Amino acid sequence: MRHHEHPAIGDWYKDQEYNHIFEVVASDDLDDYVEIQYFAGEIEELDFETWYELDLKRIPAPEDWSGPFEMPREDLGYADDTIHPEDWSGPLSDIEPSELP
């Protein structure tokens, strides 16, 4: 079933045919396009003819709608703790300040 709903920025939809979830991030009536961002992060531009051919269902924003853009701290491999290197020496520590340009 095709829809007749005009795209509204910030609305979330589910493409019933391909089971994709996306948000409308831009729409321009003069230039005849809709820009959508899939939940996984990809952005796609559609013309209005294509938009109205899609089998869409408006849905509420996903609970974690920022999922593809923010990583939990545990996934980053470090915490907010201060990092103290065991050895502060390195190749630059052998250079005397007077030897620098």
C-alpha atoms as a PDB file:
ATOM      1  CA  MET A   1       0.000   0.000   0.000  1.00  0.00           C
ATOM      2  CA  ARG A   2       1.540   3.261  -1.095  1.00  0.00           C
ATOM      3  CA  HIS A   3       1.157   6.353   1.034  1.00  0.00           C
ATOM      4  CA  HIS A   4       0.150   9.941   0.343  1.00  0.00           C
ATOM      5  CA  GLU A   5       1.813  11.596   3.306  1.00  0.00           C
ATOM      6  CA  HIS A   6       4.019  14.614   2.616  1.00  0.00           C
ATOM      7  CA  PRO A   7       7.473  14.209   4.248  1.00  0.00           C
ATOM      8  CA  ALA A   8       7.999  16.142   7.475  1.00  0.00           C
ATOM      9  CA  ILE A   9      11.485  16.773   8.828  1.00  0.00           C
ATOM     10  CA  GLY A  10      12.036  14.837  12.040  1.00  0.00           C
ATOM     11  CA  ASP A  11       9.410  12.170  11.338  1.00  0.00           C
ATOM     12  CA  TRP A  12      10.464   8.522  11.420  1.00  0.00           C
ATOM     13  CA  TYR A  13       9.211   5.925   8.958  1.00  0.00           C
ATOM     14  CA  LYS A  14       9.505   2.227   8.320  1.00  0.00           C
ATOM     15  CA  ASP A  15       9.722   1.049   4.724  1.00  0.00           C
ATOM     16  CA  GLN A  16       7.343  -1.901   4.802  1.00  0.00           C
ATOM     17  CA  GLU A  17       8.816  -3.504   1.685  1.00  0.00           C
ATOM     18  CA  TYR A  18      12.476  -3.541   2.775  1.00  0.00           C
ATOM     19  CA  ASN A  19      12.019  -3.226   6.554  1.00  0.00           C
ATOM     20  CA  HIS A  20      14.279  -0.140   6.732  1.00  0.00           C
ATOM     21  CA  ILE A  21      13.850   2.485   9.442  1.00  0.00           C
ATOM     22  CA  PHE A  22      14.746   6.084   8.645  1.00  0.00           C
ATOM     23  CA  GLU A  23      14.195   9.725   9.574  1.00  0.00           C
ATOM     24  CA  VAL A  24      13.378  12.572   7.208  1.00  0.00           C
ATOM     25  CA  VAL A  25      16.256  15.037   7.635  1.00  0.00           C
ATOM     26  CA  ALA A  26      15.506  17.484   4.794  1.00  0.00           C
ATOM     27  CA  SER A  27      12.787  18.246   2.313  1.00  0.00           C
ATOM     28  CA  ASP A  28      12.584  20.851  -0.448  1.00  0.00           C
ATOM     29  CA  ASP A  29       9.352  21.401  -2.347  1.00  0.00           C
ATOM     30  CA  LEU A  30      11.001  23.745  -4.863  1.00  0.00           C
ATOM     31  CA  ASP A  31      13.789  21.352  -5.835  1.00  0.00           C
ATOM     32  CA  ASP A  32      11.535  18.277  -5.477  1.00  0.00           C
ATOM     33  CA  TYR A  33      13.589  16.149  -3.090  1.00  0.00           C
ATOM     34  CA  VAL A  34      13.492  14.441   0.297  1.00  0.00           C
ATOM     35  CA  GLU A  35      16.640  13.544   2.200  1.00  0.00           C
ATOM     36  CA  ILE A  36      16.421  10.604   4.572  1.00  0.00           C
ATOM     37  CA  GLN A  37      18.861   9.101   7.041  1.00  0.00           C
ATOM     38  CA  TYR A  38      18.617   5.411   7.777  1.00  0.00           C
ATOM     39  CA  PHE A  39      18.979   4.198  11.356  1.00  0.00           C
ATOM     40  CA  ALA A  40      22.385   2.736  10.464  1.00  0.00           C
ATOM     41  CA  GLY A  41      23.567   6.216   9.439  1.00  0.00           C
ATOM     42  CA  GLU A  42      23.467   6.241   5.621  1.00  0.00           C
ATOM     43  CA  ILE A  43      21.887   9.269   3.945  1.00  0.00           C
ATOM     44  CA  GLU A  44      19.860   9.046   0.749  1.00  0.00           C
ATOM     45  CA  GLU A  45      18.167  11.658  -1.401  1.00  0.00           C
ATOM     46  CA  LEU A  46      14.856  10.793  -3.082  1.00  0.00           C
ATOM     47  CA  ASP A  47      12.692  12.731  -5.492  1.00  0.00           C
ATOM     48  CA  PHE A  48       9.034  13.190  -4.532  1.00  0.00           C
ATOM     49  CA  GLU A  49       7.869  10.722  -7.164  1.00  0.00           C
ATOM     50  CA  THR A  50       9.969   7.992  -5.546  1.00  0.00           C
ATOM     51  CA  TRP A  51       8.894   9.119  -2.054  1.00  0.00           C
ATOM     52  CA  TYR A  52       5.217   8.668  -2.834  1.00  0.00           C
ATOM     53  CA  GLU A  53       5.845   5.224  -4.374  1.00  0.00           C
ATOM     54  CA  LEU A  54       7.328   3.842  -1.134  1.00  0.00           C
ATOM     55  CA  ASP A  55       5.240   1.647   1.149  1.00  0.00           C
ATOM     56  CA  LEU A  56       5.806   3.601   4.379  1.00  0.00           C
ATOM     57  CA  LYS A  57       4.410   3.528   7.866  1.00  0.00           C
ATOM     58  CA  ARG A  58       5.059   6.426  10.228  1.00  0.00           C
ATOM     59  CA  ILE A  59       6.618   5.183  13.478  1.00  0.00           C
ATOM     60  CA  PRO A  60       7.763   6.781  16.721  1.00  0.00           C
ATOM     61  CA  ALA A  61      11.466   7.585  16.974  1.00  0.00           C
ATOM     62  CA  PRO A  62      13.436   4.519  18.062  1.00  0.00           C
ATOM     63  CA  GLU A  63      14.220   4.429  21.776  1.00  0.00           C
ATOM     64  CA  ASP A  64      17.931   4.824  21.038  1.00  0.00           C
ATOM     65  CA  TRP A  65      17.649   6.926  17.880  1.00  0.00           C
ATOM     66  CA  SER A  66      21.225   8.150  18.315  1.00  0.00           C
ATOM     67  CA  GLY A  67      22.552   4.572  18.241  1.00  0.00           C
ATOM     68  CA  PRO A  68      24.613   4.736  15.059  1.00  0.00           C
ATOM     69  CA  PHE A  69      26.236   8.026  16.047  1.00  0.00           C
ATOM     70  CA  GLU A  70      27.379   7.463  19.617  1.00  0.00           C
ATOM     71  CA  MET A  71      29.401   4.592  20.993  1.00  0.00           C
ATOM     72  CA  PRO A  72      29.122   3.504  24.609  1.00  0.00           C
ATOM     73  CA  ARG A  73      32.251   4.173  26.650  1.00  0.00           C
ATOM     74  CA  GLU A  74      32.902   0.473  27.171  1.00  0.00           C
ATOM     75  CA  ASP A  75      33.171   0.057  23.395  1.00  0.00           C
ATOM     76  CA  LEU A  76      35.877   2.689  23.166  1.00  0.00           C
ATOM     77  CA  GLY A  77      38.296   0.609  25.227  1.00  0.00           C
ATOM     78  CA  TYR A  78      38.992   3.209  27.903  1.00  0.00           C
ATOM     79  CA  ALA A  79      37.212   5.098  30.628  1.00  0.00           C
ATOM     80  CA  ASP A  80      37.326   8.730  31.696  1.00  0.00           C
ATOM     81  CA  ASP A  81      40.187   7.932  34.051  1.00  0.00           C
ATOM     82  CA  THR A  82      43.332  10.003  33.769  1.00  0.00           C
ATOM     83  CA  ILE A  83      46.022   8.240  31.791  1.00  0.00           C
ATOM     84  CA  HIS A  84      49.474   8.188  33.405  1.00  0.00           C
ATOM     85  CA  PRO A  85      52.183   6.718  31.194  1.00  0.00           C
ATOM     86  CA  GLU A  86      54.698   4.509  32.968  1.00  0.00           C
ATOM     87  CA  ASP A  87      57.601   6.102  31.101  1.00  0.00           C
ATOM     88  CA  TRP A  88      57.510   9.717  29.943  1.00  0.00           C
ATOM     89  CA  SER A  89      60.677   9.302  27.927  1.00  0.00           C
ATOM     90  CA  GLY A  90      60.700   9.144  24.181  1.00  0.00           C
ATOM     91  CA  PRO A  91      62.748  10.310  21.184  1.00  0.00           C
ATOM     92  CA  LEU A  92      61.953  13.965  21.839  1.00  0.00           C
ATOM     93  CA  SER A  93      62.992  13.819  25.493  1.00  0.00           C
ATOM     94  CA  ASP A  94      66.660  13.483  24.354  1.00  0.00           C
ATOM     95  CA  ILE A  95      66.566  16.847  22.572  1.00  0.00           C
ATOM     96  CA  GLU A  96      67.745  19.744  24.655  1.00  0.00           C
ATOM     97  CA  PRO A  97      65.569  22.884  24.436  1.00  0.00           C
ATOM     98  CA  SER A  98      68.575  24.825  23.166  1.00  0.00           C
ATOM     99  CA  GLU A  99      68.783  22.462  20.175  1.00  0.00           C
ATOM    100  CA  LEU A 100      65.220  23.193  19.069  1.00  0.00           C
ATOM    101  CA  PRO A 101      64.757  25.708  16.218  1.00  0.00           C
END
